[in-house]
Amino acid sequence: MFYKCLPLDTPDLQFAYCPSMGASILFAILFGLTLFGHCLQAVHYRAFYTWVLIMSAIWQTLAFIIRCIGIMNPTNEAINNVTYCLVLLAPLWINAFCFMVMARLVHMFLPHHRIFRVKGSWLAALFVFLDILAFVVQLLGALKATNKDDRSVVQQGRDIYTIGVVLQQVFICLFILLTTAFLRNLRVRSTKPDAKGARTLTLLLLGVLFLITVRVIYRIVEFSGKSGNAVTKELTTHEGWQYGLDTLPMFLATVVFHVYHPGRVLQGPDSSFPSRREKKRQKSLFEADKRANSESEYTLVTIV
């Protein structure tokens, strides 16, 4: 064995339990395989917007590789802090990816590329901005919580991180309302031939959001309690809870996009947002059309 568990009263020990090297190696390999698979699928479907999902897989893979190093160096605070931040923040990339995919579905399948009078491209910008906001709050909390020298600062960090995940869940709930409206509009208004594929992909997004919600609830319960709380103590002193309620749901959330890749549905000219140059060209054509119609109406009135 190339590592051994130290007594829990060892000075500067970074774990409140004996960590499993086997579990850490297993998930490093599994996330590494999903990373490789998503890179291949991005090329196969020419779905380069999946770089966001790939980034999540990179962070998760790195988190467990570094965790293996941390298990072999259980008193090294810097290594543990890097793992801690990567594990806490990586799921936000999956969150952002779900938002981006839904915005593209709105652009591709609904009339006028809108829902609630809002363009799909604006939806993408709005929800990604909200995700970045949650990311910044959670990052500030995670960084504060790594300060082991001052317990009050650690608790502050935990509280800030909890606010960040609560914000994340609020945005997810808003997104679920939007997704429900999209499904209704898809059934009633869409004339696209692959509407069934869009419905399947949308239901998959809802499934991924459920997995993220499981993970968010776990982190809220873990961080919202005080250090002496029985529930908090149970969650922080038994490694299995982290793997079962955080790592596994995030792994499954990554895997489902292998099973039904968005690139299967998002194909063709409307599957991506128009570039700025294309928007200008469309605007010029629209204005030219408008001028032509005005001139025709003027000529007709003059003749009459």
Protein backbone atom coordinates (compact mmCIF):
# COMPACT_ATOMS: atom_id res chain seq x y z
CA MET A 1 0.00 0.00 0.00
CA PHE A 2 1.50 3.37 -1.06
CA TYR A 3 -0.40 5.36 1.57
CA LYS A 4 -1.74 4.83 5.05
CA CYS A 5 -4.44 6.47 7.12
CA LEU A 6 -3.12 8.64 9.91
CA PRO A 7 -4.78 8.96 13.33
CA LEU A 8 -7.56 11.57 13.25
CA ASP A 9 -5.78 13.66 15.91
CA THR A 10 -2.68 14.08 13.71
CA PRO A 11 -1.72 17.79 13.48
CA ASP A 12 -2.77 19.47 10.18
CA LEU A 13 -4.63 16.35 9.00
CA GLN A 14 -6.95 17.42 6.14
CA PHE A 15 -9.47 14.56 6.46
CA ALA A 16 -12.02 13.82 9.17
CA TYR A 17 -12.08 10.16 8.08
CA CYS A 18 -9.85 7.58 6.42
CA PRO A 19 -10.19 8.47 2.70
CA SER A 20 -10.57 5.74 0.09
CA MET A 21 -7.78 5.75 -2.46
CA GLY A 22 -9.66 3.16 -4.54
CA ALA A 23 -12.78 5.35 -4.88
CA SER A 24 -10.67 8.37 -5.79
CA ILE A 25 -8.77 6.45 -8.49
CA LEU A 26 -12.02 4.97 -9.81
CA PHE A 27 -13.69 8.37 -10.31
CA ALA A 28 -10.51 9.90 -11.73
CA ILE A 29 -10.62 7.17 -14.40
CA LEU A 30 -14.39 7.44 -14.96
CA PHE A 31 -14.35 11.22 -15.38
CA GLY A 32 -11.26 10.89 -17.58
CA LEU A 33 -13.17 8.48 -19.84
CA THR A 34 -16.15 10.86 -20.07
CA LEU A 35 -13.72 13.68 -20.92
CA PHE A 36 -12.22 11.63 -23.76
CA GLY A 37 -15.68 10.56 -24.97
CA HIS A 38 -17.07 14.09 -25.05
CA CYS A 39 -14.05 15.34 -26.98
CA LEU A 40 -14.69 12.64 -29.60
CA GLN A 41 -18.42 13.39 -29.77
CA ALA A 42 -17.79 17.14 -30.07
CA VAL A 43 -15.70 16.45 -33.18
CA HIS A 44 -18.13 13.82 -34.55
CA TYR A 45 -21.19 16.09 -34.26
CA ARG A 46 -19.21 19.29 -34.87
CA ALA A 47 -20.77 20.45 -31.61
CA PHE A 48 -17.98 22.71 -30.40
CA TYR A 49 -20.32 24.51 -27.98
CA THR A 50 -19.89 21.41 -25.79
CA TRP A 51 -16.56 22.88 -24.62
CA VAL A 52 -18.52 23.92 -21.51
CA LEU A 53 -19.41 20.30 -20.73
CA ILE A 54 -15.85 19.24 -21.52
CA MET A 55 -14.59 21.85 -19.05
CA SER A 56 -16.70 20.27 -16.30
CA ALA A 57 -15.19 16.86 -17.08
CA ILE A 58 -11.67 18.37 -17.00
CA TRP A 59 -12.27 19.91 -13.58
CA GLN A 60 -13.77 16.70 -12.17
CA THR A 61 -10.92 14.58 -13.55
CA LEU A 62 -8.31 16.94 -12.13
CA ALA A 63 -10.15 17.07 -8.80
CA PHE A 64 -9.83 13.31 -8.28
CA ILE A 65 -6.29 13.04 -9.63
CA ILE A 66 -5.25 15.76 -7.17
CA ARG A 67 -7.32 14.06 -4.46
CA CYS A 68 -5.23 10.90 -4.95
CA ILE A 69 -2.11 13.02 -4.42
CA GLY A 70 -3.75 14.60 -1.37
CA ILE A 71 -4.54 11.19 0.14
CA MET A 72 -0.85 10.34 -0.13
CA ASN A 73 -0.02 13.70 1.48
CA PRO A 74 -2.82 13.98 4.06
CA THR A 75 -1.34 16.93 5.95
CA ASN A 76 -0.76 19.11 2.86
CA GLU A 77 -3.35 21.88 3.06
CA ALA A 78 -2.65 23.40 -0.39
CA ILE A 79 -3.36 20.14 -2.23
CA ASN A 80 -6.55 19.60 -0.28
CA ASN A 81 -7.73 23.16 -0.99
CA VAL A 82 -7.33 22.74 -4.75
CA THR A 83 -9.37 19.52 -4.71
CA TYR A 84 -11.97 21.14 -2.47
CA CYS A 85 -12.52 24.09 -4.84
CA LEU A 86 -12.61 21.95 -8.00
CA VAL A 87 -15.18 19.53 -6.55
CA LEU A 88 -17.40 22.35 -5.29
CA LEU A 89 -17.34 24.43 -8.48
CA ALA A 90 -17.17 21.90 -11.36
CA PRO A 91 -20.96 21.21 -11.42
CA LEU A 92 -21.65 24.83 -12.40
CA TRP A 93 -20.21 24.06 -15.84
CA ILE A 94 -22.89 21.39 -16.35
CA ASN A 95 -25.49 23.89 -15.18
CA ALA A 96 -24.32 26.43 -17.77
CA PHE A 97 -24.31 23.76 -20.48
CA CYS A 98 -27.98 22.93 -19.80
CA PHE A 99 -28.85 26.62 -20.11
CA MET A 100 -26.97 26.90 -23.41
CA VAL A 101 -28.60 23.81 -24.92
CA MET A 102 -32.11 24.99 -24.01
CA ALA A 103 -31.44 28.42 -25.55
CA ARG A 104 -30.36 26.72 -28.79
CA LEU A 105 -33.51 24.55 -28.76
CA VAL A 106 -35.65 27.69 -28.44
CA HIS A 107 -33.76 29.31 -31.33
CA MET A 108 -34.09 26.23 -33.53
CA PHE A 109 -37.61 24.95 -32.87
CA LEU A 110 -39.88 27.85 -31.92
CA PRO A 111 -41.35 30.43 -34.34
CA HIS A 112 -39.35 33.67 -34.48
CA HIS A 113 -36.68 31.95 -32.31
CA ARG A 114 -38.40 33.25 -29.16
CA ILE A 115 -40.18 32.20 -25.99
CA PHE A 116 -42.03 34.73 -23.82
CA ARG A 117 -40.97 37.27 -26.50
CA VAL A 118 -37.32 36.68 -25.57
CA LYS A 119 -34.83 35.52 -28.20
CA GLY A 120 -32.97 32.25 -27.64
CA SER A 121 -29.62 34.07 -27.86
CA TRP A 122 -30.72 36.49 -25.11
CA LEU A 123 -31.85 33.57 -22.96
CA ALA A 124 -28.40 32.02 -23.28
CA ALA A 125 -26.73 35.27 -22.26
CA LEU A 126 -29.12 35.81 -19.32
CA PHE A 127 -28.87 32.34 -17.79
CA VAL A 128 -25.11 32.07 -18.33
CA PHE A 129 -24.76 35.44 -16.56
CA LEU A 130 -26.83 34.10 -13.65
CA ASP A 131 -24.68 30.96 -13.57
CA ILE A 132 -21.52 33.09 -13.47
CA LEU A 133 -23.04 35.07 -10.59
CA ALA A 134 -23.65 31.84 -8.64
CA PHE A 135 -20.12 30.70 -9.59
CA VAL A 136 -18.51 33.88 -8.20
CA VAL A 137 -20.45 33.66 -4.91
CA GLN A 138 -19.58 29.97 -4.50
CA LEU A 139 -15.93 30.61 -5.37
CA LEU A 140 -15.67 33.34 -2.73
CA GLY A 141 -17.25 31.02 -0.17
CA ALA A 142 -15.03 28.07 -1.11
CA LEU A 143 -11.87 30.17 -0.87
CA LYS A 144 -12.85 31.55 2.53
CA ALA A 145 -13.72 28.07 3.79
CA THR A 146 -10.18 26.85 3.03
CA ASN A 147 -8.78 29.12 5.76
CA LYS A 148 -8.29 26.52 8.49
CA ASP A 149 -6.53 28.97 10.85
CA ASP A 150 -9.71 30.85 11.81
CA ARG A 151 -12.89 28.85 12.45
CA SER A 152 -15.09 31.96 12.21
CA VAL A 153 -13.71 32.69 8.72
CA VAL A 154 -14.34 29.05 7.76
CA GLN A 155 -17.97 29.35 8.90
CA GLN A 156 -18.31 32.61 6.97
CA GLY A 157 -17.04 30.85 3.87
CA ARG A 158 -19.49 27.99 4.37
CA ASP A 159 -22.34 30.49 4.75
CA ILE A 160 -21.34 32.37 1.58
CA TYR A 161 -21.04 29.11 -0.36
CA THR A 162 -24.49 28.08 0.90
CA ILE A 163 -25.92 31.36 -0.43
CA GLY A 164 -24.25 30.57 -3.77
CA VAL A 165 -25.83 27.11 -4.08
CA VAL A 166 -29.22 28.48 -2.99
CA LEU A 167 -28.92 31.07 -5.78
CA GLN A 168 -27.99 28.26 -8.17
CA GLN A 169 -31.11 26.32 -7.18
CA VAL A 170 -33.35 29.40 -7.59
CA PHE A 171 -32.00 29.84 -11.14
CA ILE A 172 -32.59 26.13 -11.80
CA CYS A 173 -36.24 26.50 -10.68
CA LEU A 174 -36.70 29.47 -13.04
CA PHE A 175 -35.13 27.41 -15.80
CA ILE A 176 -37.50 24.49 -15.12
CA LEU A 177 -40.47 26.87 -15.58
CA LEU A 178 -38.96 27.99 -18.88
CA THR A 179 -38.39 24.38 -19.94
CA THR A 180 -42.00 23.47 -19.15
CA ALA A 181 -43.20 26.39 -21.29
CA PHE A 182 -40.88 25.28 -24.09
CA LEU A 183 -42.35 21.76 -24.08
CA ARG A 184 -45.87 23.18 -24.32
CA ASN A 185 -44.90 25.53 -27.17
CA LEU A 186 -43.03 22.73 -28.92
CA ARG A 187 -46.17 20.60 -28.99
CA VAL A 188 -48.48 23.41 -30.14
CA ARG A 189 -46.40 25.73 -32.32
CA SER A 190 -43.34 23.96 -33.72
CA THR A 191 -43.42 22.81 -37.35
CA LYS A 192 -39.93 21.29 -37.36
CA PRO A 193 -39.71 17.60 -38.34
CA ASP A 194 -37.44 16.62 -35.44
CA ALA A 195 -39.64 18.02 -32.66
CA LYS A 196 -39.69 14.57 -31.05
CA GLY A 197 -35.90 14.64 -30.71
CA ALA A 198 -36.10 18.11 -29.17
CA ARG A 199 -38.65 16.83 -26.63
CA THR A 200 -36.37 13.90 -25.70
CA LEU A 201 -33.40 16.21 -25.25
CA THR A 202 -35.47 18.62 -23.13
CA LEU A 203 -36.60 15.79 -20.84
CA LEU A 204 -32.96 14.74 -20.54
CA LEU A 205 -32.06 18.31 -19.48
CA LEU A 206 -34.73 18.10 -16.77
CA GLY A 207 -33.20 14.79 -15.61
CA VAL A 208 -29.76 16.41 -15.38
CA LEU A 209 -31.21 19.33 -13.42
CA PHE A 210 -32.76 16.82 -11.00
CA LEU A 211 -29.30 15.28 -10.44
CA ILE A 212 -27.81 18.75 -9.88
CA THR A 213 -30.63 19.52 -7.42
CA VAL A 214 -29.80 16.36 -5.41
CA ARG A 215 -26.24 17.57 -5.18
CA VAL A 216 -27.28 21.15 -4.27
CA ILE A 217 -29.57 19.94 -1.45
CA TYR A 218 -26.73 17.79 -0.08
CA ARG A 219 -24.34 20.76 -0.05
CA ILE A 220 -26.93 23.08 1.52
CA VAL A 221 -27.56 20.59 4.34
CA GLU A 222 -23.82 20.02 4.80
CA PHE A 223 -22.82 23.69 4.90
CA SER A 224 -25.83 25.34 6.50
CA GLY A 225 -25.44 23.46 9.80
CA LYS A 226 -22.93 24.44 12.47
CA SER A 227 -19.85 22.28 13.00
CA GLY A 228 -21.33 20.59 16.09
CA ASN A 229 -24.62 19.76 14.39
CA ALA A 230 -25.28 15.98 14.28
CA VAL A 231 -26.27 15.98 10.59
CA THR A 232 -23.29 18.12 9.59
CA LYS A 233 -20.97 15.88 11.59
CA GLU A 234 -22.39 12.77 9.91
CA LEU A 235 -21.93 14.26 6.42
CA THR A 236 -18.40 15.56 7.04
CA THR A 237 -16.99 12.52 8.84
CA HIS A 238 -18.20 9.83 6.39
CA GLU A 239 -16.77 9.94 2.89
CA GLY A 240 -19.58 7.86 1.38
CA TRP A 241 -22.06 10.75 1.51
CA GLN A 242 -19.87 12.87 -0.76
CA TYR A 243 -19.51 10.11 -3.32
CA GLY A 244 -23.18 9.11 -3.19
CA LEU A 245 -24.81 12.56 -3.19
CA ASP A 246 -22.26 14.70 -5.06
CA THR A 247 -19.75 12.76 -7.14
CA LEU A 248 -22.08 10.05 -8.46
CA PRO A 249 -24.92 12.43 -9.51
CA MET A 250 -22.40 14.65 -11.33
CA PHE A 251 -20.88 11.64 -13.06
CA LEU A 252 -24.34 10.47 -14.19
CA ALA A 253 -25.16 14.01 -15.35
CA THR A 254 -22.08 13.88 -17.58
CA VAL A 255 -22.78 10.37 -18.86
CA VAL A 256 -26.38 11.01 -19.97
CA PHE A 257 -25.07 13.43 -22.60
CA HIS A 258 -23.11 10.51 -24.07
CA VAL A 259 -26.29 8.43 -24.31
CA TYR A 260 -28.28 11.18 -26.05
CA HIS A 261 -25.89 13.82 -27.29
CA PRO A 262 -27.33 17.28 -28.06
CA GLY A 263 -25.54 17.11 -31.41
CA ARG A 264 -28.08 14.49 -32.55
CA VAL A 265 -30.83 17.13 -32.42
CA LEU A 266 -29.00 20.44 -32.88
CA GLN A 267 -28.15 20.01 -36.56
CA GLY A 268 -28.55 22.42 -39.47
CA PRO A 269 -28.40 26.19 -39.97
CA ASP A 270 -30.79 27.09 -37.11
CA SER A 271 -28.92 24.97 -34.56
CA SER A 272 -26.53 27.82 -33.74
CA PHE A 273 -26.99 31.50 -33.15
CA PRO A 274 -26.21 33.84 -36.08
CA SER A 275 -22.92 35.69 -35.98
CA ARG A 276 -22.80 39.48 -35.68
CA ARG A 277 -22.06 39.74 -39.40
CA GLU A 278 -25.04 37.51 -40.22
CA LYS A 279 -27.29 39.61 -37.97
CA LYS A 280 -26.22 42.76 -39.83
CA ARG A 281 -26.86 41.08 -43.18
CA GLN A 282 -30.34 39.96 -42.09
CA LYS A 283 -31.11 43.45 -40.81
CA SER A 284 -29.99 45.00 -44.12
CA LEU A 285 -32.18 42.58 -46.08
CA PHE A 286 -35.14 43.33 -43.82
CA GLU A 287 -34.70 47.11 -44.26
CA ALA A 288 -34.29 46.72 -48.04
CA ASP A 289 -37.50 44.67 -48.13
CA LYS A 290 -39.28 47.30 -46.09
CA ARG A 291 -38.13 50.10 -48.41
CA ALA A 292 -39.15 48.11 -51.49
CA ASN A 293 -42.62 47.49 -50.07
CA SER A 294 -43.02 51.19 -49.19
CA GLU A 295 -42.01 52.24 -52.72
CA SER A 296 -44.43 49.73 -54.26
CA GLU A 297 -47.30 51.05 -52.13
CA TYR A 298 -46.40 54.66 -53.05
CA THR A 299 -46.34 53.82 -56.79
CA LEU A 300 -49.69 52.06 -56.54
CA VAL A 301 -51.28 55.03 -54.75
CA THR A 302 -49.86 57.45 -57.38
CA ILE A 303 -51.27 55.38 -60.26
CA VAL A 304 -54.68 55.21 -58.64
